[in-house]
C-alpha atoms as a PDB file:
ATOM      1  CA  UNK A   1     133.766 140.929 113.109  1.00  0.00           C
ATOM      2  CA  UNK A   2     133.400 137.187 112.761  1.00  0.00           C
ATOM      3  CA  UNK A   3     136.015 134.482 112.248  1.00  0.00           C
ATOM      4  CA  UNK A   4     135.459 132.437 109.087  1.00  0.00           C
ATOM      5  CA  UNK A   5     138.769 130.557 108.953  1.00  0.00           C
ATOM      6  CA  UNK A   6     141.530 129.743 111.421  1.00  0.00           C
ATOM      7  CA  UNK A   7     144.721 128.204 110.067  1.00  0.00           C
ATOM      8  CA  UNK A   8     148.500 128.067 110.210  1.00  0.00           C
ATOM      9  CA  UNK A   9     148.589 127.379 106.468  1.00  0.00           C
ATOM     10  CA  UNK A  10     149.611 130.682 104.880  1.00  0.00           C
ATOM     11  CA  UNK A  11     148.735 129.533 101.347  1.00  0.00           C
ATOM     12  CA  UNK A  12     145.231 128.450 102.415  1.00  0.00           C
ATOM     13  CA  UNK A  13     144.638 131.765 104.184  1.00  0.00           C
ATOM     14  CA  UNK A  14     145.872 133.759 101.206  1.00  0.00           C
ATOM     15  CA  UNK A  15     143.652 131.748  98.836  1.00  0.00           C
ATOM     16  CA  UNK A  16     140.624 132.232 101.094  1.00  0.00           C
ATOM     17  CA  UNK A  17     141.307 135.966 101.393  1.00  0.00           C
ATOM     18  CA  UNK A  18     141.517 136.318  97.585  1.00  0.00           C
ATOM     19  CA  UNK A  19     138.283 134.333  97.108  1.00  0.00           C
ATOM     20  CA  UNK A  20     136.426 136.592  99.537  1.00  0.00           C
ATOM     21  CA  UNK A  21     137.833 139.814  98.086  1.00  0.00           C
ATOM     22  CA  UNK A  22     136.897 138.655  94.570  1.00  0.00           C
ATOM     23  CA  UNK A  23     133.336 138.170  95.852  1.00  0.00           C
ATOM     24  CA  UNK A  24     133.324 141.735  97.182  1.00  0.00           C
ATOM     25  CA  UNK A  25     133.697 140.779 100.836  1.00  0.00           C
ATOM     26  CA  UNK A  26     136.134 142.843 102.889  1.00  0.00           C
ATOM     27  CA  UNK A  27     138.256 140.698 105.164  1.00  0.00           C
ATOM     28  CA  UNK A  28     141.309 140.932 107.377  1.00  0.00           C
ATOM     29  CA  UNK A  29     143.814 138.389 108.691  1.00  0.00           C
ATOM     30  CA  UNK A  30     144.490 138.729 112.416  1.00  0.00           C
ATOM     31  CA  UNK A  31     147.286 137.314 114.575  1.00  0.00           C
ATOM     32  CA  UNK A  32     149.843 137.323 111.754  1.00  0.00           C
ATOM     33  CA  UNK A  33     152.626 138.777 113.873  1.00  0.00           C
ATOM     34  CA  UNK A  34     151.863 136.596 116.882  1.00  0.00           C
ATOM     35  CA  UNK A  35     151.852 133.531 114.656  1.00  0.00           C
ATOM     36  CA  UNK A  36     155.276 134.468 113.297  1.00  0.00           C
ATOM     37  CA  UNK A  37     156.635 135.066 116.797  1.00  0.00           C
ATOM     38  CA  UNK A  38     155.717 131.552 117.960  1.00  0.00           C
ATOM     39  CA  UNK A  39     158.096 130.202 115.315  1.00  0.00           C
ATOM     40  CA  UNK A  40     157.523 126.701 114.036  1.00  0.00           C
ATOM     41  CA  UNK A  41     155.442 125.572 117.024  1.00  0.00           C
ATOM     42  CA  UNK A  42     152.183 126.587 115.268  1.00  0.00           C
ATOM     43  CA  UNK A  43     150.535 127.342 118.592  1.00  0.00           C
ATOM     44  CA  UNK A  44     148.859 130.544 117.452  1.00  0.00           C
ATOM     45  CA  UNK A  45     146.907 130.196 114.200  1.00  0.00           C
ATOM     46  CA  UNK A  46     145.997 133.165 112.028  1.00  0.00           C
ATOM     47  CA  UNK A  47     142.329 134.146 111.783  1.00  0.00           C
ATOM     48  CA  UNK A  48     140.459 135.364 108.723  1.00  0.00           C
ATOM     49  CA  UNK A  49     137.752 137.796 109.795  1.00  0.00           C
ATOM     50  CA  UNK A  50     134.762 139.335 107.982  1.00  0.00           C
ATOM     51  CA  UNK A  51     131.977 141.686 109.033  1.00  0.00           C
ATOM     52  CA  UNK A  52     128.951 140.247 110.817  1.00  0.00           C
ATOM     53  CA  UNK A  53     126.772 140.938 107.770  1.00  0.00           C
ATOM     54  CA  UNK A  54     129.085 138.985 105.415  1.00  0.00           C
ATOM     55  CA  UNK A  55     129.622 135.939 107.637  1.00  0.00           C
ATOM     56  CA  UNK A  56     126.999 133.648 106.071  1.00  0.00           C
ATOM     57  CA  UNK A  57     128.018 134.446 102.514  1.00  0.00           C
ATOM     58  CA  UNK A  58     131.727 134.128 103.371  1.00  0.00           C
ATOM     59  CA  UNK A  59     131.190 130.684 104.912  1.00  0.00           C
ATOM     60  CA  UNK A  60     129.350 129.539 101.781  1.00  0.00           C
ATOM     61  CA  UNK A  61     132.109 130.821  99.484  1.00  0.00           C
ATOM     62  CA  UNK A  62     134.887 129.253 101.531  1.00  0.00           C
ATOM     63  CA  UNK A  63     133.058 125.966 101.945  1.00  0.00           C
ATOM     64  CA  UNK A  64     132.848 125.635  98.174  1.00  0.00           C
ATOM     65  CA  UNK A  65     136.357 126.955  97.480  1.00  0.00           C
ATOM     66  CA  UNK A  66     138.076 124.767 100.080  1.00  0.00           C
ATOM     67  CA  UNK A  67     135.924 121.640  99.551  1.00  0.00           C
ATOM     68  CA  UNK A  68     138.362 119.935  97.210  1.00  0.00           C
ATOM     69  CA  UNK A  69     141.328 119.793  99.553  1.00  0.00           C
ATOM     70  CA  UNK A  70     144.064 117.316  98.704  1.00  0.00           C
ATOM     71  CA  UNK A  71     144.666 114.524 101.208  1.00  0.00           C
ATOM     72  CA  UNK A  72     148.016 115.982 102.263  1.00  0.00           C
ATOM     73  CA  UNK A  73     146.515 119.321 103.310  1.00  0.00           C
END
């Protein structure tokens, strides 16, 4: 498995996961429980993982989907 996104932003991770699933790419978010346990310190980010074969396509999809980030993000 390969990491395609690492973030503490739950909305961004959820959006990215939906974009990948809509494209037919299976993905999983790791470190959710550890991230919650660290509280508001945001020391442990969550990781969005895909299979090795889907990594290139997932990066391309996320690059396009997350390109128009607002300045406050």
